[in-house]
Amino acid sequence: MTEYRPEPEAPSAAPGTAAPAPAGDGETVPDPAGPEPLGVERTPTGRPEVDAALDRLADADHLPAEGHVAVYEDVHRELRDVLTALDAHPAPGPYEHRS
């Protein structure tokens, strides 16, 4: 009796990426269902430097999943710099400058 052995599955694409489709002549062509923007709306914060950093998150919409980390790290660094600057020059508190 012959033992049943399923054929190995083709490697799948990473989540958020499109697997290339084989062309008739052995070439692979990109799948048209590639990365798509999430369409998440963002409310402006009123701080230009923070809004600019958060706007950069849209750059990840057009990258495959493995490219997202670099964008996220860059935005994180920018936001951390903004917070560090606030700590270095804090706004006056409500009880300062009273006579």
C-alpha atoms as a PDB file:
ATOM      1  CA  MET A   1       0.000   0.000   0.000  1.00  0.00           C
ATOM      2  CA  THR A   2       1.321   3.479  -0.874  1.00  0.00           C
ATOM      3  CA  GLU A   3       1.493   6.055   1.909  1.00  0.00           C
ATOM      4  CA  TYR A   4      -0.241   9.380   1.185  1.00  0.00           C
ATOM      5  CA  ARG A   5       2.134  12.338   1.297  1.00  0.00           C
ATOM      6  CA  PRO A   6       0.722  15.789   0.567  1.00  0.00           C
ATOM      7  CA  GLU A   7       2.728  18.021  -1.723  1.00  0.00           C
ATOM      8  CA  PRO A   8       4.658  20.730   0.116  1.00  0.00           C
ATOM      9  CA  GLU A   9       2.965  24.102   0.086  1.00  0.00           C
ATOM     10  CA  ALA A  10       4.575  26.978  -1.753  1.00  0.00           C
ATOM     11  CA  PRO A  11       6.038  29.567   0.623  1.00  0.00           C
ATOM     12  CA  SER A  12       3.465  32.191   1.445  1.00  0.00           C
ATOM     13  CA  ALA A  13       4.072  35.912   1.522  1.00  0.00           C
ATOM     14  CA  ALA A  14       4.517  37.696   4.809  1.00  0.00           C
ATOM     15  CA  PRO A  15       1.358  39.314   6.169  1.00  0.00           C
ATOM     16  CA  GLY A  16       0.740  42.645   4.494  1.00  0.00           C
ATOM     17  CA  THR A  17       2.730  41.750   1.393  1.00  0.00           C
ATOM     18  CA  ALA A  18       1.648  40.335  -1.920  1.00  0.00           C
ATOM     19  CA  ALA A  19       3.024  37.057  -3.178  1.00  0.00           C
ATOM     20  CA  PRO A  20       4.367  37.222  -6.735  1.00  0.00           C
ATOM     21  CA  ALA A  21       2.246  35.379  -9.246  1.00  0.00           C
ATOM     22  CA  PRO A  22       4.064  33.087 -11.705  1.00  0.00           C
ATOM     23  CA  ALA A  23       3.875  34.179 -15.325  1.00  0.00           C
ATOM     24  CA  GLY A  24       3.360  31.691 -18.135  1.00  0.00           C
ATOM     25  CA  ASP A  25       7.040  31.772 -19.157  1.00  0.00           C
ATOM     26  CA  GLY A  26       8.477  31.014 -15.700  1.00  0.00           C
ATOM     27  CA  GLU A  27       8.928  34.677 -14.743  1.00  0.00           C
ATOM     28  CA  THR A  28       7.229  36.043 -11.667  1.00  0.00           C
ATOM     29  CA  VAL A  29       5.132  39.177 -11.901  1.00  0.00           C
ATOM     30  CA  PRO A  30       4.096  41.253  -8.892  1.00  0.00           C
ATOM     31  CA  ASP A  31       0.603  40.684  -7.561  1.00  0.00           C
ATOM     32  CA  PRO A  32      -1.510  43.808  -8.180  1.00  0.00           C
ATOM     33  CA  ALA A  33      -2.931  43.462  -4.651  1.00  0.00           C
ATOM     34  CA  GLY A  34       0.193  44.946  -3.045  1.00  0.00           C
ATOM     35  CA  PRO A  35       0.374  47.201   0.016  1.00  0.00           C
ATOM     36  CA  GLU A  36      -2.570  49.543   0.419  1.00  0.00           C
ATOM     37  CA  PRO A  37      -3.037  52.562   2.687  1.00  0.00           C
ATOM     38  CA  LEU A  38      -5.052  51.862   5.824  1.00  0.00           C
ATOM     39  CA  GLY A  39      -6.942  55.127   5.505  1.00  0.00           C
ATOM     40  CA  VAL A  40      -6.634  56.015   9.189  1.00  0.00           C
ATOM     41  CA  GLU A  41      -7.581  59.643   9.785  1.00  0.00           C
ATOM     42  CA  ARG A  42      -5.571  61.662  12.266  1.00  0.00           C
ATOM     43  CA  THR A  43      -6.588  64.765  14.156  1.00  0.00           C
ATOM     44  CA  PRO A  44      -3.885  67.464  14.172  1.00  0.00           C
ATOM     45  CA  THR A  45      -2.277  68.025  17.557  1.00  0.00           C
ATOM     46  CA  GLY A  46      -1.600  71.735  17.077  1.00  0.00           C
ATOM     47  CA  ARG A  47       2.152  71.189  17.523  1.00  0.00           C
ATOM     48  CA  PRO A  48       3.751  71.503  14.055  1.00  0.00           C
ATOM     49  CA  GLU A  49       6.751  69.317  14.930  1.00  0.00           C
ATOM     50  CA  VAL A  50       4.518  66.532  16.282  1.00  0.00           C
ATOM     51  CA  ASP A  51       2.115  66.750  13.332  1.00  0.00           C
ATOM     52  CA  ALA A  52       5.028  66.560  10.879  1.00  0.00           C
ATOM     53  CA  ALA A  53       6.385  63.454  12.601  1.00  0.00           C
ATOM     54  CA  LEU A  54       2.979  61.770  12.653  1.00  0.00           C
ATOM     55  CA  ASP A  55       2.425  62.638   8.977  1.00  0.00           C
ATOM     56  CA  ARG A  56       5.515  60.548   8.233  1.00  0.00           C
ATOM     57  CA  LEU A  57       3.593  57.436   9.320  1.00  0.00           C
ATOM     58  CA  ALA A  58       1.797  57.618   5.969  1.00  0.00           C
ATOM     59  CA  ASP A  59       5.128  56.712   4.317  1.00  0.00           C
ATOM     60  CA  ALA A  60       4.634  53.167   5.615  1.00  0.00           C
ATOM     61  CA  ASP A  61       1.401  52.835   3.603  1.00  0.00           C
ATOM     62  CA  HIS A  62       3.373  52.364   0.403  1.00  0.00           C
ATOM     63  CA  LEU A  63       6.014  49.990   1.745  1.00  0.00           C
ATOM     64  CA  PRO A  64       5.958  46.237   2.255  1.00  0.00           C
ATOM     65  CA  ALA A  65       5.675  45.172   5.895  1.00  0.00           C
ATOM     66  CA  GLU A  66       9.431  44.736   6.323  1.00  0.00           C
ATOM     67  CA  GLY A  67       9.916  48.445   5.469  1.00  0.00           C
ATOM     68  CA  HIS A  68       7.555  49.659   8.206  1.00  0.00           C
ATOM     69  CA  VAL A  69      10.052  49.259  11.052  1.00  0.00           C
ATOM     70  CA  ALA A  70      12.419  51.903   9.678  1.00  0.00           C
ATOM     71  CA  VAL A  71       9.573  54.420   9.336  1.00  0.00           C
ATOM     72  CA  TYR A  72       8.229  53.662  12.835  1.00  0.00           C
ATOM     73  CA  GLU A  73      11.686  53.965  14.390  1.00  0.00           C
ATOM     74  CA  ASP A  74      12.307  57.281  12.642  1.00  0.00           C
ATOM     75  CA  VAL A  75       8.951  58.705  13.790  1.00  0.00           C
ATOM     76  CA  HIS A  76       9.580  57.428  17.317  1.00  0.00           C
ATOM     77  CA  ARG A  77      12.976  59.163  17.351  1.00  0.00           C
ATOM     78  CA  GLU A  78      11.412  62.449  16.172  1.00  0.00           C
ATOM     79  CA  LEU A  79       8.665  62.309  18.817  1.00  0.00           C
ATOM     80  CA  ARG A  80      11.199  61.473  21.531  1.00  0.00           C
ATOM     81  CA  ASP A  81      13.264  64.511  20.466  1.00  0.00           C
ATOM     82  CA  VAL A  82      10.176  66.742  20.742  1.00  0.00           C
ATOM     83  CA  LEU A  83       9.467  65.439  24.257  1.00  0.00           C
ATOM     84  CA  THR A  84      13.105  65.881  25.264  1.00  0.00           C
ATOM     85  CA  ALA A  85      12.996  69.495  24.064  1.00  0.00           C
ATOM     86  CA  LEU A  86       9.866  70.094  26.152  1.00  0.00           C
ATOM     87  CA  ASP A  87      11.655  68.768  29.235  1.00  0.00           C
ATOM     88  CA  ALA A  88      14.609  71.053  28.578  1.00  0.00           C
ATOM     89  CA  HIS A  89      12.386  74.140  28.201  1.00  0.00           C
ATOM     90  CA  PRO A  90       9.151  73.520  30.114  1.00  0.00           C
ATOM     91  CA  ALA A  91       6.268  75.916  29.711  1.00  0.00           C
ATOM     92  CA  PRO A  92       5.569  78.098  32.746  1.00  0.00           C
ATOM     93  CA  GLY A  93       3.220  76.481  35.229  1.00  0.00           C
ATOM     94  CA  PRO A  94      -0.049  78.041  36.371  1.00  0.00           C
ATOM     95  CA  TYR A  95       1.491  79.294  39.633  1.00  0.00           C
ATOM     96  CA  GLU A  96       4.613  80.827  38.193  1.00  0.00           C
ATOM     97  CA  HIS A  97       4.790  84.576  37.489  1.00  0.00           C
ATOM     98  CA  ARG A  98       2.247  85.422  40.201  1.00  0.00           C
ATOM     99  CA  SER A  99       2.813  88.636  42.137  1.00  0.00           C
END
